[in-house]
Amino acid sequence: MPHSPIFDVVEADFPEKVIEASRRHPVLVDFWADWCPPCRALTPVLEKVIRGCHGEVLLAKVEVDENMRLAGHYKLRGFPTVILFSKGEEAGRFSGARSEQQVRAFLSGCLPAARDGNAGA
């Protein structure tokens, strides 16, 4: 597991840092672009929620302009797109900016452990 629950990922290390890591801890992947205002709005929300999860969920950040093949592989249509990986597979996704409450609801809907209120109250 990375030292920080929030880290950058590129195509070359995506299989290890996201897919393999998700077999141990769920990994939320933020596909973002610098030119995208909703992306810049969502980033601090995701970071706050993930810090509140106390290492139970990780956040991998993928800059799409530098990792277009990953964006294509996951058939991303707009940004930001956030995909949750658990047990090596996609467990859910959403696109667009969301509030802190909406991100928490998304996680609790996808992850059984988050439903008991321990994931970032």
PDB file of N, CA and C in Angstrom:
ATOM      1  N   MET A   1       0.841  -1.181   0.000  1.00  0.00           N
ATOM      2  CA  MET A   1       0.000   0.000   0.000  1.00  0.00           C
ATOM      3  C   MET A   1       0.886   1.244   0.000  1.00  0.00           C
ATOM      4  N   PRO A   2       0.520   2.263  -0.749  1.00  0.00           N
ATOM      5  CA  PRO A   2       1.303   3.495  -0.732  1.00  0.00           C
ATOM      6  C   PRO A   2       1.289   4.102   0.666  1.00  0.00           C
ATOM      7  N   HIS A   3       2.293   4.951   0.955  1.00  0.00           N
ATOM      8  CA  HIS A   3       2.364   5.607   2.260  1.00  0.00           C
ATOM      9  C   HIS A   3       1.175   6.523   2.478  1.00  0.00           C
ATOM     10  N   SER A   4       0.755   7.200   1.440  1.00  0.00           N
ATOM     11  CA  SER A   4      -0.386   8.089   1.521  1.00  0.00           C
ATOM     12  C   SER A   4      -1.594   7.393   0.887  1.00  0.00           C
ATOM     13  N   PRO A   5      -2.800   7.649   1.415  1.00  0.00           N
ATOM     14  CA  PRO A   5      -3.975   7.052   0.779  1.00  0.00           C
ATOM     15  C   PRO A   5      -4.352   7.757  -0.529  1.00  0.00           C
ATOM     16  N   ILE A   6      -3.649   8.856  -0.855  1.00  0.00           N
ATOM     17  CA  ILE A   6      -3.916   9.628  -2.064  1.00  0.00           C
ATOM     18  C   ILE A   6      -2.623   9.699  -2.874  1.00  0.00           C
ATOM     19  N   PHE A   7      -2.686   9.269  -4.144  1.00  0.00           N
ATOM     20  CA  PHE A   7      -1.467   9.204  -4.944  1.00  0.00           C
ATOM     21  C   PHE A   7      -1.798   9.326  -6.423  1.00  0.00           C
ATOM     22  N   ASP A   8      -0.800   9.733  -7.202  1.00  0.00           N
ATOM     23  CA  ASP A   8      -0.938   9.841  -8.653  1.00  0.00           C
ATOM     24  C   ASP A   8      -0.607   8.500  -9.297  1.00  0.00           C
ATOM     25  N   VAL A   9      -1.268   8.232 -10.416  1.00  0.00           N
ATOM     26  CA  VAL A   9      -1.059   6.990 -11.157  1.00  0.00           C
ATOM     27  C   VAL A   9      -0.944   7.321 -12.632  1.00  0.00           C
ATOM     28  N   VAL A  10      -0.074   6.586 -13.324  1.00  0.00           N
ATOM     29  CA  VAL A  10       0.036   6.680 -14.779  1.00  0.00           C
ATOM     30  C   VAL A  10      -0.248   5.296 -15.359  1.00  0.00           C
ATOM     31  N   GLU A  11      -0.388   5.242 -16.661  1.00  0.00           N
ATOM     32  CA  GLU A  11      -0.749   3.982 -17.314  1.00  0.00           C
ATOM     33  C   GLU A  11       0.192   2.842 -16.926  1.00  0.00           C
ATOM     34  N   ALA A  12       1.486   3.105 -16.881  1.00  0.00           N
ATOM     35  CA  ALA A  12       2.463   2.048 -16.619  1.00  0.00           C
ATOM     36  C   ALA A  12       2.288   1.399 -15.246  1.00  0.00           C
ATOM     37  N   ASP A  13       1.891   2.163 -14.222  1.00  0.00           N
ATOM     38  CA  ASP A  13       1.762   1.571 -12.891  1.00  0.00           C
ATOM     39  C   ASP A  13       0.304   1.336 -12.470  1.00  0.00           C
ATOM     40  N   PHE A  14      -0.649   1.583 -13.378  1.00  0.00           N
ATOM     41  CA  PHE A  14      -2.061   1.378 -13.073  1.00  0.00           C
ATOM     42  C   PHE A  14      -2.368  -0.067 -12.660  1.00  0.00           C
ATOM     43  N   PRO A  15      -1.876  -1.076 -13.388  1.00  0.00           N
ATOM     44  CA  PRO A  15      -2.189  -2.460 -12.978  1.00  0.00           C
ATOM     45  C   PRO A  15      -1.764  -2.772 -11.540  1.00  0.00           C
ATOM     46  N   GLU A  16      -0.595  -2.298 -11.142  1.00  0.00           N
ATOM     47  CA  GLU A  16      -0.106  -2.590  -9.790  1.00  0.00           C
ATOM     48  C   GLU A  16      -0.774  -1.704  -8.738  1.00  0.00           C
ATOM     49  N   LYS A  17      -0.773  -0.377  -8.981  1.00  0.00           N
ATOM     50  CA  LYS A  17      -1.249   0.565  -7.962  1.00  0.00           C
ATOM     51  C   LYS A  17      -2.763   0.630  -7.832  1.00  0.00           C
ATOM     52  N   VAL A  18      -3.487   0.164  -8.853  1.00  0.00           N
ATOM     53  CA  VAL A  18      -4.950   0.202  -8.772  1.00  0.00           C
ATOM     54  C   VAL A  18      -5.531  -1.210  -8.751  1.00  0.00           C
ATOM     55  N   ILE A  19      -5.339  -1.956  -9.823  1.00  0.00           N
ATOM     56  CA  ILE A  19      -5.986  -3.268  -9.931  1.00  0.00           C
ATOM     57  C   ILE A  19      -5.515  -4.215  -8.821  1.00  0.00           C
ATOM     58  N   GLU A  20      -4.207  -4.397  -8.696  1.00  0.00           N
ATOM     59  CA  GLU A  20      -3.685  -5.300  -7.659  1.00  0.00           C
ATOM     60  C   GLU A  20      -3.943  -4.757  -6.262  1.00  0.00           C
ATOM     61  N   ALA A  21      -3.746  -3.457  -6.067  1.00  0.00           N
ATOM     62  CA  ALA A  21      -3.979  -2.855  -4.750  1.00  0.00           C
ATOM     63  C   ALA A  21      -5.437  -2.994  -4.328  1.00  0.00           C
ATOM     64  N   SER A  22      -6.366  -2.990  -5.299  1.00  0.00           N
ATOM     65  CA  SER A  22      -7.787  -3.081  -4.957  1.00  0.00           C
ATOM     66  C   SER A  22      -8.167  -4.459  -4.419  1.00  0.00           C
ATOM     67  N   ARG A  23      -7.283  -5.420  -4.557  1.00  0.00           N
ATOM     68  CA  ARG A  23      -7.533  -6.742  -3.973  1.00  0.00           C
ATOM     69  C   ARG A  23      -7.353  -6.699  -2.452  1.00  0.00           C
ATOM     70  N   ARG A  24      -6.606  -5.673  -1.972  1.00  0.00           N
ATOM     71  CA  ARG A  24      -6.384  -5.493  -0.532  1.00  0.00           C
ATOM     72  C   ARG A  24      -7.261  -4.397   0.054  1.00  0.00           C
ATOM     73  N   HIS A  25      -7.403  -3.282  -0.671  1.00  0.00           N
ATOM     74  CA  HIS A  25      -8.210  -2.131  -0.237  1.00  0.00           C
ATOM     75  C   HIS A  25      -8.934  -1.592  -1.459  1.00  0.00           C
ATOM     76  N   PRO A  26     -10.176  -1.162  -1.315  1.00  0.00           N
ATOM     77  CA  PRO A  26     -10.840  -0.508  -2.443  1.00  0.00           C
ATOM     78  C   PRO A  26     -10.044   0.723  -2.890  1.00  0.00           C
ATOM     79  N   VAL A  27     -10.013   0.950  -4.191  1.00  0.00           N
ATOM     80  CA  VAL A  27      -9.285   2.092  -4.758  1.00  0.00           C
ATOM     81  C   VAL A  27     -10.262   2.901  -5.602  1.00  0.00           C
ATOM     82  N   LEU A  28     -10.428   4.151  -5.231  1.00  0.00           N
ATOM     83  CA  LEU A  28     -11.240   5.094  -5.989  1.00  0.00           C
ATOM     84  C   LEU A  28     -10.296   5.797  -6.959  1.00  0.00           C
ATOM     85  N   VAL A  29     -10.625   5.778  -8.250  1.00  0.00           N
ATOM     86  CA  VAL A  29      -9.749   6.389  -9.257  1.00  0.00           C
ATOM     87  C   VAL A  29     -10.440   7.622  -9.816  1.00  0.00           C
ATOM     88  N   ASP A  30      -9.763   8.750  -9.687  1.00  0.00           N
ATOM     89  CA  ASP A  30     -10.256  10.032 -10.191  1.00  0.00           C
ATOM     90  C   ASP A  30      -9.570  10.308 -11.529  1.00  0.00           C
ATOM     91  N   PHE A  31     -10.322  10.190 -12.622  1.00  0.00           N
ATOM     92  CA  PHE A  31      -9.817  10.539 -13.954  1.00  0.00           C
ATOM     93  C   PHE A  31     -10.155  12.017 -14.166  1.00  0.00           C
ATOM     94  N   TRP A  32      -9.135  12.855 -14.214  1.00  0.00           N
ATOM     95  CA  TRP A  32      -9.332  14.297 -14.243  1.00  0.00           C
ATOM     96  C   TRP A  32      -8.461  14.952 -15.313  1.00  0.00           C
ATOM     97  N   ALA A  33      -8.763  16.213 -15.596  1.00  0.00           N
ATOM     98  CA  ALA A  33      -7.958  17.010 -16.531  1.00  0.00           C
ATOM     99  C   ALA A  33      -7.798  18.409 -15.956  1.00  0.00           C
ATOM    100  N   ASP A  34      -6.646  18.997 -16.172  1.00  0.00           N
ATOM    101  CA  ASP A  34      -6.346  20.320 -15.627  1.00  0.00           C
ATOM    102  C   ASP A  34      -7.267  21.400 -16.192  1.00  0.00           C
ATOM    103  N   TRP A  35      -7.707  21.234 -17.428  1.00  0.00           N
ATOM    104  CA  TRP A  35      -8.544  22.225 -18.091  1.00  0.00           C
ATOM    105  C   TRP A  35     -10.018  22.111 -17.712  1.00  0.00           C
ATOM    106  N   CYS A  36     -10.363  21.200 -16.831  1.00  0.00           N
ATOM    107  CA  CYS A  36     -11.749  20.845 -16.511  1.00  0.00           C
ATOM    108  C   CYS A  36     -12.177  21.446 -15.161  1.00  0.00           C
ATOM    109  N   PRO A  37     -12.993  22.518 -15.167  1.00  0.00           N
ATOM    110  CA  PRO A  37     -13.425  23.119 -13.893  1.00  0.00           C
ATOM    111  C   PRO A  37     -14.142  22.140 -12.950  1.00  0.00           C
ATOM    112  N   PRO A  38     -15.055  21.260 -13.430  1.00  0.00           N
ATOM    113  CA  PRO A  38     -15.667  20.307 -12.488  1.00  0.00           C
ATOM    114  C   PRO A  38     -14.626  19.367 -11.853  1.00  0.00           C
ATOM    115  N   CYS A  39     -13.569  19.067 -12.585  1.00  0.00           N
ATOM    116  CA  CYS A  39     -12.504  18.223 -12.028  1.00  0.00           C
ATOM    117  C   CYS A  39     -11.834  18.932 -10.853  1.00  0.00           C
ATOM    118  N   ARG A  40     -11.535  20.205 -11.049  1.00  0.00           N
ATOM    119  CA  ARG A  40     -10.881  20.976  -9.982  1.00  0.00           C
ATOM    120  C   ARG A  40     -11.798  21.145  -8.773  1.00  0.00           C
ATOM    121  N   ALA A  41     -13.112  21.180  -9.003  1.00  0.00           N
ATOM    122  CA  ALA A  41     -14.065  21.274  -7.897  1.00  0.00           C
ATOM    123  C   ALA A  41     -14.174  19.955  -7.139  1.00  0.00           C
ATOM    124  N   LEU A  42     -14.094  18.837  -7.850  1.00  0.00           N
ATOM    125  CA  LEU A  42     -14.273  17.527  -7.226  1.00  0.00           C
ATOM    126  C   LEU A  42     -13.048  17.073  -6.431  1.00  0.00           C
ATOM    127  N   THR A  43     -11.865  17.417  -6.874  1.00  0.00           N
ATOM    128  CA  THR A  43     -10.640  16.923  -6.237  1.00  0.00           C
ATOM    129  C   THR A  43     -10.608  17.144  -4.723  1.00  0.00           C
ATOM    130  N   PRO A  44     -10.838  18.367  -4.216  1.00  0.00           N
ATOM    131  CA  PRO A  44     -10.781  18.531  -2.759  1.00  0.00           C
ATOM    132  C   PRO A  44     -11.866  17.750  -2.026  1.00  0.00           C
ATOM    133  N   VAL A  45     -13.009  17.541  -2.658  1.00  0.00           N
ATOM    134  CA  VAL A  45     -14.087  16.753  -2.054  1.00  0.00           C
ATOM    135  C   VAL A  45     -13.637  15.297  -1.911  1.00  0.00           C
ATOM    136  N   LEU A  46     -13.097  14.739  -2.996  1.00  0.00           N
ATOM    137  CA  LEU A  46     -12.615  13.350  -2.943  1.00  0.00           C
ATOM    138  C   LEU A  46     -11.521  13.195  -1.897  1.00  0.00           C
ATOM    139  N   GLU A  47     -10.577  14.134  -1.872  1.00  0.00           N
ATOM    140  CA  GLU A  47      -9.471  14.039  -0.922  1.00  0.00           C
ATOM    141  C   GLU A  47      -9.967  14.089   0.522  1.00  0.00           C
ATOM    142  N   LYS A  48     -10.949  14.947   0.799  1.00  0.00           N
ATOM    143  CA  LYS A  48     -11.495  15.030   2.158  1.00  0.00           C
ATOM    144  C   LYS A  48     -12.176  13.729   2.556  1.00  0.00           C
ATOM    145  N   VAL A  49     -12.986  13.181   1.663  1.00  0.00           N
ATOM    146  CA  VAL A  49     -13.684  11.927   1.956  1.00  0.00           C
ATOM    147  C   VAL A  49     -12.680  10.800   2.185  1.00  0.00           C
ATOM    148  N   ILE A  50     -11.674  10.700   1.328  1.00  0.00           N
ATOM    149  CA  ILE A  50     -10.693   9.616   1.451  1.00  0.00           C
ATOM    150  C   ILE A  50      -9.878   9.758   2.729  1.00  0.00           C
ATOM    151  N   ARG A  51      -9.492  10.977   3.081  1.00  0.00           N
ATOM    152  CA  ARG A  51      -8.762  11.159   4.355  1.00  0.00           C
ATOM    153  C   ARG A  51      -9.621  10.716   5.530  1.00  0.00           C
ATOM    154  N   GLY A  52     -10.922  10.915   5.431  1.00  0.00           N
ATOM    155  CA  GLY A  52     -11.832  10.486   6.485  1.00  0.00           C
ATOM    156  C   GLY A  52     -12.035   8.988   6.557  1.00  0.00           C
ATOM    157  N   CYS A  53     -11.607   8.281   5.537  1.00  0.00           N
ATOM    158  CA  CYS A  53     -11.743   6.817   5.508  1.00  0.00           C
ATOM    159  C   CYS A  53     -10.612   6.112   6.247  1.00  0.00           C
ATOM    160  N   HIS A  54      -9.598   6.861   6.693  1.00  0.00           N
ATOM    161  CA  HIS A  54      -8.508   6.326   7.512  1.00  0.00           C
ATOM    162  C   HIS A  54      -7.821   5.110   6.901  1.00  0.00           C
ATOM    163  N   GLY A  55      -7.543   5.190   5.593  1.00  0.00           N
ATOM    164  CA  GLY A  55      -6.808   4.120   4.926  1.00  0.00           C
ATOM    165  C   GLY A  55      -7.660   2.959   4.452  1.00  0.00           C
ATOM    166  N   GLU A  56      -8.957   2.983   4.714  1.00  0.00           N
ATOM    167  CA  GLU A  56      -9.837   1.895   4.276  1.00  0.00           C
ATOM    168  C   GLU A  56     -10.093   1.943   2.775  1.00  0.00           C
ATOM    169  N   VAL A  57     -10.041   3.143   2.188  1.00  0.00           N
ATOM    170  CA  VAL A  57     -10.221   3.345   0.750  1.00  0.00           C
ATOM    171  C   VAL A  57      -9.088   4.249   0.283  1.00  0.00           C
ATOM    172  N   LEU A  58      -8.487   3.909  -0.857  1.00  0.00           N
ATOM    173  CA  LEU A  58      -7.401   4.706  -1.419  1.00  0.00           C
ATOM    174  C   LEU A  58      -7.933   5.542  -2.575  1.00  0.00           C
ATOM    175  N   LEU A  59      -7.223   6.630  -2.892  1.00  0.00           N
ATOM    176  CA  LEU A  59      -7.588   7.492  -4.014  1.00  0.00           C
ATOM    177  C   LEU A  59      -6.408   7.596  -4.967  1.00  0.00           C
ATOM    178  N   ALA A  60      -6.604   7.087  -6.176  1.00  0.00           N
ATOM    179  CA  ALA A  60      -5.601   7.184  -7.241  1.00  0.00           C
ATOM    180  C   ALA A  60      -6.064   8.260  -8.213  1.00  0.00           C
ATOM    181  N   LYS A  61      -5.172   9.176  -8.554  1.00  0.00           N
ATOM    182  CA  LYS A  61      -5.508  10.281  -9.444  1.00  0.00           C
ATOM    183  C   LYS A  61      -4.809  10.091 -10.780  1.00  0.00           C
ATOM    184  N   VAL A  62      -5.607  10.081 -11.870  1.00  0.00           N
ATOM    185  CA  VAL A  62      -5.087   9.859 -13.216  1.00  0.00           C
ATOM    186  C   VAL A  62      -5.383  11.094 -14.062  1.00  0.00           C
ATOM    187  N   GLU A  63      -4.348  11.765 -14.526  1.00  0.00           N
ATOM    188  CA  GLU A  63      -4.495  12.918 -15.416  1.00  0.00           C
ATOM    189  C   GLU A  63      -4.727  12.365 -16.815  1.00  0.00           C
ATOM    190  N   VAL A  64      -5.915  12.610 -17.371  1.00  0.00           N
ATOM    191  CA  VAL A  64      -6.311  11.928 -18.602  1.00  0.00           C
ATOM    192  C   VAL A  64      -5.531  12.366 -19.835  1.00  0.00           C
ATOM    193  N   ASP A  65      -5.117  13.622 -19.922  1.00  0.00           N
ATOM    194  CA  ASP A  65      -4.379  14.065 -21.103  1.00  0.00           C
ATOM    195  C   ASP A  65      -3.050  13.326 -21.249  1.00  0.00           C
ATOM    196  N   GLU A  66      -2.494  12.890 -20.139  1.00  0.00           N
ATOM    197  CA  GLU A  66      -1.223  12.151 -20.167  1.00  0.00           C
ATOM    198  C   GLU A  66      -1.437  10.639 -20.183  1.00  0.00           C
ATOM    199  N   ASN A  67      -2.686  10.201 -20.067  1.00  0.00           N
ATOM    200  CA  ASN A  67      -2.997   8.769 -19.984  1.00  0.00           C
ATOM    201  C   ASN A  67      -4.243   8.449 -20.800  1.00  0.00           C
ATOM    202  N   MET A  68      -4.239   8.891 -22.056  1.00  0.00           N
ATOM    203  CA  MET A  68      -5.417   8.747 -22.919  1.00  0.00           C
ATOM    204  C   MET A  68      -5.808   7.286 -23.169  1.00  0.00           C
ATOM    205  N   ARG A  69      -4.837   6.394 -23.208  1.00  0.00           N
ATOM    206  CA  ARG A  69      -5.184   4.983 -23.445  1.00  0.00           C
ATOM    207  C   ARG A  69      -6.000   4.409 -22.288  1.00  0.00           C
ATOM    208  N   LEU A  70      -5.684   4.829 -21.064  1.00  0.00           N
ATOM    209  CA  LEU A  70      -6.485   4.382 -19.925  1.00  0.00           C
ATOM    210  C   LEU A  70      -7.912   4.920 -20.030  1.00  0.00           C
ATOM    211  N   ALA A  71      -8.036   6.196 -20.385  1.00  0.00           N
ATOM    212  CA  ALA A  71      -9.355   6.798 -20.550  1.00  0.00           C
ATOM    213  C   ALA A  71     -10.145   6.050 -21.620  1.00  0.00           C
ATOM    214  N   GLY A  72      -9.492   5.685 -22.702  1.00  0.00           N
ATOM    215  CA  GLY A  72     -10.149   4.926 -23.761  1.00  0.00           C
ATOM    216  C   GLY A  72     -10.517   3.522 -23.316  1.00  0.00           C
ATOM    217  N   HIS A  73      -9.603   2.882 -22.597  1.00  0.00           N
ATOM    218  CA  HIS A  73      -9.845   1.520 -22.122  1.00  0.00           C
ATOM    219  C   HIS A  73     -11.102   1.442 -21.258  1.00  0.00           C
ATOM    220  N   TYR A  74     -11.302   2.446 -20.403  1.00  0.00           N
ATOM    221  CA  TYR A  74     -12.462   2.460 -19.516  1.00  0.00           C
ATOM    222  C   TYR A  74     -13.657   3.198 -20.114  1.00  0.00           C
ATOM    223  N   LYS A  75     -13.556   3.546 -21.416  1.00  0.00           N
ATOM    224  CA  LYS A  75     -14.660   4.162 -22.161  1.00  0.00           C
ATOM    225  C   LYS A  75     -15.222   5.397 -21.467  1.00  0.00           C
ATOM    226  N   LEU A  76     -14.310   6.278 -21.066  1.00  0.00           N
ATOM    227  CA  LEU A  76     -14.720   7.503 -20.390  1.00  0.00           C
ATOM    228  C   LEU A  76     -15.269   8.487 -21.410  1.00  0.00           C
ATOM    229  N   ARG A  77     -16.405   9.065 -21.114  1.00  0.00           N
ATOM    230  CA  ARG A  77     -17.072   9.990 -22.035  1.00  0.00           C
ATOM    231  C   ARG A  77     -16.951  11.443 -21.584  1.00  0.00           C
ATOM    232  N   GLY A  78     -16.725  11.678 -20.320  1.00  0.00           N
ATOM    233  CA  GLY A  78     -16.626  13.036 -19.791  1.00  0.00           C
ATOM    234  C   GLY A  78     -15.776  13.038 -18.538  1.00  0.00           C
ATOM    235  N   PHE A  79     -15.433  14.218 -18.106  1.00  0.00           N
ATOM    236  CA  PHE A  79     -14.554  14.346 -16.938  1.00  0.00           C
ATOM    237  C   PHE A  79     -15.136  15.358 -15.970  1.00  0.00           C
ATOM    238  N   PRO A  80     -14.934  15.146 -14.693  1.00  0.00           N
ATOM    239  CA  PRO A  80     -14.248  13.994 -14.122  1.00  0.00           C
ATOM    240  C   PRO A  80     -15.116  12.735 -14.197  1.00  0.00           C
ATOM    241  N   THR A  81     -14.441  11.609 -14.276  1.00  0.00           N
ATOM    242  CA  THR A  81     -15.089  10.321 -14.083  1.00  0.00           C
ATOM    243  C   THR A  81     -14.349   9.640 -12.943  1.00  0.00           C
ATOM    244  N   VAL A  82     -15.104   9.079 -12.022  1.00  0.00           N
ATOM    245  CA  VAL A  82     -14.540   8.401 -10.859  1.00  0.00           C
ATOM    246  C   VAL A  82     -15.002   6.947 -10.913  1.00  0.00           C
ATOM    247  N   ILE A  83     -14.033   6.041 -10.844  1.00  0.00           N
ATOM    248  CA  ILE A  83     -14.335   4.602 -10.863  1.00  0.00           C
ATOM    249  C   ILE A  83     -13.797   3.981  -9.584  1.00  0.00           C
ATOM    250  N   LEU A  84     -14.617   3.187  -8.941  1.00  0.00           N
ATOM    251  CA  LEU A  84     -14.208   2.458  -7.747  1.00  0.00           C
ATOM    252  C   LEU A  84     -13.836   1.041  -8.143  1.00  0.00           C
ATOM    253  N   PHE A  85     -12.630   0.627  -7.758  1.00  0.00           N
ATOM    254  CA  PHE A  85     -12.174  -0.742  -7.993  1.00  0.00           C
ATOM    255  C   PHE A  85     -12.107  -1.468  -6.659  1.00  0.00           C
ATOM    256  N   SER A  86     -12.625  -2.681  -6.645  1.00  0.00           N
ATOM    257  CA  SER A  86     -12.591  -3.530  -5.464  1.00  0.00           C
ATOM    258  C   SER A  86     -12.394  -4.960  -5.931  1.00  0.00           C
ATOM    259  N   LYS A  87     -11.487  -5.664  -5.274  1.00  0.00           N
ATOM    260  CA  LYS A  87     -11.209  -7.068  -5.614  1.00  0.00           C
ATOM    261  C   LYS A  87     -10.793  -7.218  -7.071  1.00  0.00           C
ATOM    262  N   GLY A  88     -10.070  -6.217  -7.583  1.00  0.00           N
ATOM    263  CA  GLY A  88      -9.534  -6.291  -8.936  1.00  0.00           C
ATOM    264  C   GLY A  88     -10.501  -5.929 -10.038  1.00  0.00           C
ATOM    265  N   GLU A  89     -11.718  -5.520  -9.680  1.00  0.00           N
ATOM    266  CA  GLU A  89     -12.724  -5.225 -10.699  1.00  0.00           C
ATOM    267  C   GLU A  89     -13.423  -3.902 -10.412  1.00  0.00           C
ATOM    268  N   GLU A  90     -14.028  -3.341 -11.459  1.00  0.00           N
ATOM    269  CA  GLU A  90     -14.815  -2.129 -11.289  1.00  0.00           C
ATOM    270  C   GLU A  90     -16.037  -2.433 -10.437  1.00  0.00           C
ATOM    271  N   ALA A  91     -16.256  -1.619  -9.409  1.00  0.00           N
ATOM    272  CA  ALA A  91     -17.388  -1.821  -8.507  1.00  0.00           C
ATOM    273  C   ALA A  91     -18.446  -0.731  -8.658  1.00  0.00           C
ATOM    274  N   GLY A  92     -18.111   0.347  -9.358  1.00  0.00           N
ATOM    275  CA  GLY A  92     -19.056   1.433  -9.557  1.00  0.00           C
ATOM    276  C   GLY A  92     -18.347   2.625 -10.168  1.00  0.00           C
ATOM    277  N   ARG A  93     -19.144   3.575 -10.693  1.00  0.00           N
ATOM    278  CA  ARG A  93     -18.558   4.783 -11.269  1.00  0.00           C
ATOM    279  C   ARG A  93     -19.577   5.906 -11.283  1.00  0.00           C
ATOM    280  N   PHE A  94     -19.063   7.125 -11.348  1.00  0.00           N
ATOM    281  CA  PHE A  94     -19.903   8.294 -11.576  1.00  0.00           C
ATOM    282  C   PHE A  94     -19.086   9.320 -12.341  1.00  0.00           C
ATOM    283  N   SER A  95     -19.807  10.237 -12.987  1.00  0.00           N
ATOM    284  CA  SER A  95     -19.159  11.322 -13.732  1.00  0.00           C
ATOM    285  C   SER A  95     -19.692  12.647 -13.223  1.00  0.00           C
ATOM    286  N   GLY A  96     -18.837  13.665 -13.298  1.00  0.00           N
ATOM    287  CA  GLY A  96     -19.237  15.005 -12.894  1.00  0.00           C
ATOM    288  C   GLY A  96     -18.904  15.289 -11.445  1.00  0.00           C
ATOM    289  N   ALA A  97     -19.003  16.568 -11.089  1.00  0.00           N
ATOM    290  CA  ALA A  97     -18.720  16.987  -9.720  1.00  0.00           C
ATOM    291  C   ALA A  97     -19.818  16.481  -8.796  1.00  0.00           C
ATOM    292  N   ARG A  98     -19.445  16.180  -7.564  1.00  0.00           N
ATOM    293  CA  ARG A  98     -20.382  15.702  -6.550  1.00  0.00           C
ATOM    294  C   ARG A  98     -20.055  16.378  -5.220  1.00  0.00           C
ATOM    295  N   SER A  99     -21.053  16.434  -4.358  1.00  0.00           N
ATOM    296  CA  SER A  99     -20.834  16.961  -3.010  1.00  0.00           C
ATOM    297  C   SER A  99     -20.181  15.880  -2.149  1.00  0.00           C
ATOM    298  N   GLU A 100     -19.679  16.297  -0.995  1.00  0.00           N
ATOM    299  CA  GLU A 100     -19.094  15.345  -0.058  1.00  0.00           C
ATOM    300  C   GLU A 100     -20.120  14.276   0.325  1.00  0.00           C
ATOM    301  N   GLN A 101     -21.340  14.685   0.590  1.00  0.00           N
ATOM    302  CA  GLN A 101     -22.396  13.743   0.962  1.00  0.00           C
ATOM    303  C   GLN A 101     -22.671  12.757  -0.173  1.00  0.00           C
ATOM    304  N   GLN A 102     -22.677  13.237  -1.418  1.00  0.00           N
ATOM    305  CA  GLN A 102     -22.927  12.350  -2.554  1.00  0.00           C
ATOM    306  C   GLN A 102     -21.790  11.339  -2.729  1.00  0.00           C
ATOM    307  N   VAL A 103     -20.549  11.767  -2.504  1.00  0.00           N
ATOM    308  CA  VAL A 103     -19.411  10.842  -2.626  1.00  0.00           C
ATOM    309  C   VAL A 103     -19.490   9.786  -1.533  1.00  0.00           C
ATOM    310  N   ARG A 104     -19.809  10.203  -0.315  1.00  0.00           N
ATOM    311  CA  ARG A 104     -19.959   9.224   0.781  1.00  0.00           C
ATOM    312  C   ARG A 104     -21.082   8.229   0.476  1.00  0.00           C
ATOM    313  N   ALA A 105     -22.192   8.721  -0.060  1.00  0.00           N
ATOM    314  CA  ALA A 105     -23.314   7.840  -0.404  1.00  0.00           C
ATOM    315  C   ALA A 105     -22.907   6.860  -1.496  1.00  0.00           C
ATOM    316  N   PHE A 106     -22.148   7.335  -2.483  1.00  0.00           N
ATOM    317  CA  PHE A 106     -21.648   6.451  -3.544  1.00  0.00           C
ATOM    318  C   PHE A 106     -20.802   5.338  -2.942  1.00  0.00           C
ATOM    319  N   LEU A 107     -19.854   5.703  -2.078  1.00  0.00           N
ATOM    320  CA  LEU A 107     -18.990   4.690  -1.465  1.00  0.00           C
ATOM    321  C   LEU A 107     -19.800   3.712  -0.626  1.00  0.00           C
ATOM    322  N   SER A 108     -20.720   4.207   0.166  1.00  0.00           N
ATOM    323  CA  SER A 108     -21.489   3.299   1.021  1.00  0.00           C
ATOM    324  C   SER A 108     -22.392   2.395   0.197  1.00  0.00           C
ATOM    325  N   GLY A 109     -22.804   2.859  -0.978  1.00  0.00           N
ATOM    326  CA  GLY A 109     -23.612   2.017  -1.851  1.00  0.00           C
ATOM    327  C   GLY A 109     -22.812   0.929  -2.538  1.00  0.00           C
ATOM    328  N   CYS A 110     -21.515   1.145  -2.673  1.00  0.00           N
ATOM    329  CA  CYS A 110     -20.652   0.189  -3.382  1.00  0.00           C
ATOM    330  C   CYS A 110     -19.861  -0.712  -2.447  1.00  0.00           C
ATOM    331  N   LEU A 111     -19.611  -0.251  -1.224  1.00  0.00           N
ATOM    332  CA  LEU A 111     -18.737  -0.982  -0.321  1.00  0.00           C
ATOM    333  C   LEU A 111     -19.462  -1.372   0.954  1.00  0.00           C
ATOM    334  N   PRO A 112     -19.586  -2.651   1.227  1.00  0.00           N
ATOM    335  CA  PRO A 112     -20.254  -3.076   2.462  1.00  0.00           C
ATOM    336  C   PRO A 112     -19.635  -2.471   3.714  1.00  0.00           C
ATOM    337  N   ALA A 113     -18.315  -2.362   3.794  1.00  0.00           N
ATOM    338  CA  ALA A 113     -17.660  -1.831   4.992  1.00  0.00           C
ATOM    339  C   ALA A 113     -18.010  -0.375   5.236  1.00  0.00           C
ATOM    340  N   ALA A 114     -18.304   0.367   4.176  1.00  0.00           N
ATOM    341  CA  ALA A 114     -18.621   1.779   4.331  1.00  0.00           C
ATOM    342  C   ALA A 114     -20.034   1.983   4.860  1.00  0.00           C
ATOM    343  N   ARG A 115     -20.877   0.971   4.766  1.00  0.00           N
ATOM    344  CA  ARG A 115     -22.272   1.112   5.189  1.00  0.00           C
ATOM    345  C   ARG A 115     -22.435   1.201   6.691  1.00  0.00           C
ATOM    346  N   ASP A 116     -21.440   0.721   7.455  1.00  0.00           N
ATOM    347  CA  ASP A 116     -21.598   0.744   8.917  1.00  0.00           C
ATOM    348  C   ASP A 116     -21.220   2.082   9.532  1.00  0.00           C
ATOM    349  N   GLY A 117     -20.872   3.065   8.692  1.00  0.00           N
ATOM    350  CA  GLY A 117     -20.566   4.400   9.192  1.00  0.00           C
ATOM    351  C   GLY A 117     -19.124   4.607   9.572  1.00  0.00           C
ATOM    352  N   ASN A 118     -18.285   3.610   9.391  1.00  0.00           N
ATOM    353  CA  ASN A 118     -16.873   3.761   9.751  1.00  0.00           C
ATOM    354  C   ASN A 118     -16.056   4.415   8.665  1.00  0.00           C
ATOM    355  N   ALA A 119     -16.567   4.517   7.468  1.00  0.00           N
ATOM    356  CA  ALA A 119     -15.782   5.080   6.374  1.00  0.00           C
ATOM    357  C   ALA A 119     -15.975   6.580   6.321  1.00  0.00           C
ATOM    358  N   GLY A 120     -15.306   7.281   7.208  1.00  0.00           N
ATOM    359  CA  GLY A 120     -15.195   8.715   7.107  1.00  0.00           C
ATOM    360  C   GLY A 120     -16.325   9.515   7.691  1.00  0.00           C
ATOM    361  N   ALA A 121     -16.751   9.216   8.844  1.00  0.00           N
ATOM    362  CA  ALA A 121     -17.801  10.019   9.457  1.00  0.00           C
ATOM    363  C   ALA A 121     -17.341  11.411   9.770  1.00  0.00           C
TER     364      ALA A 121
END
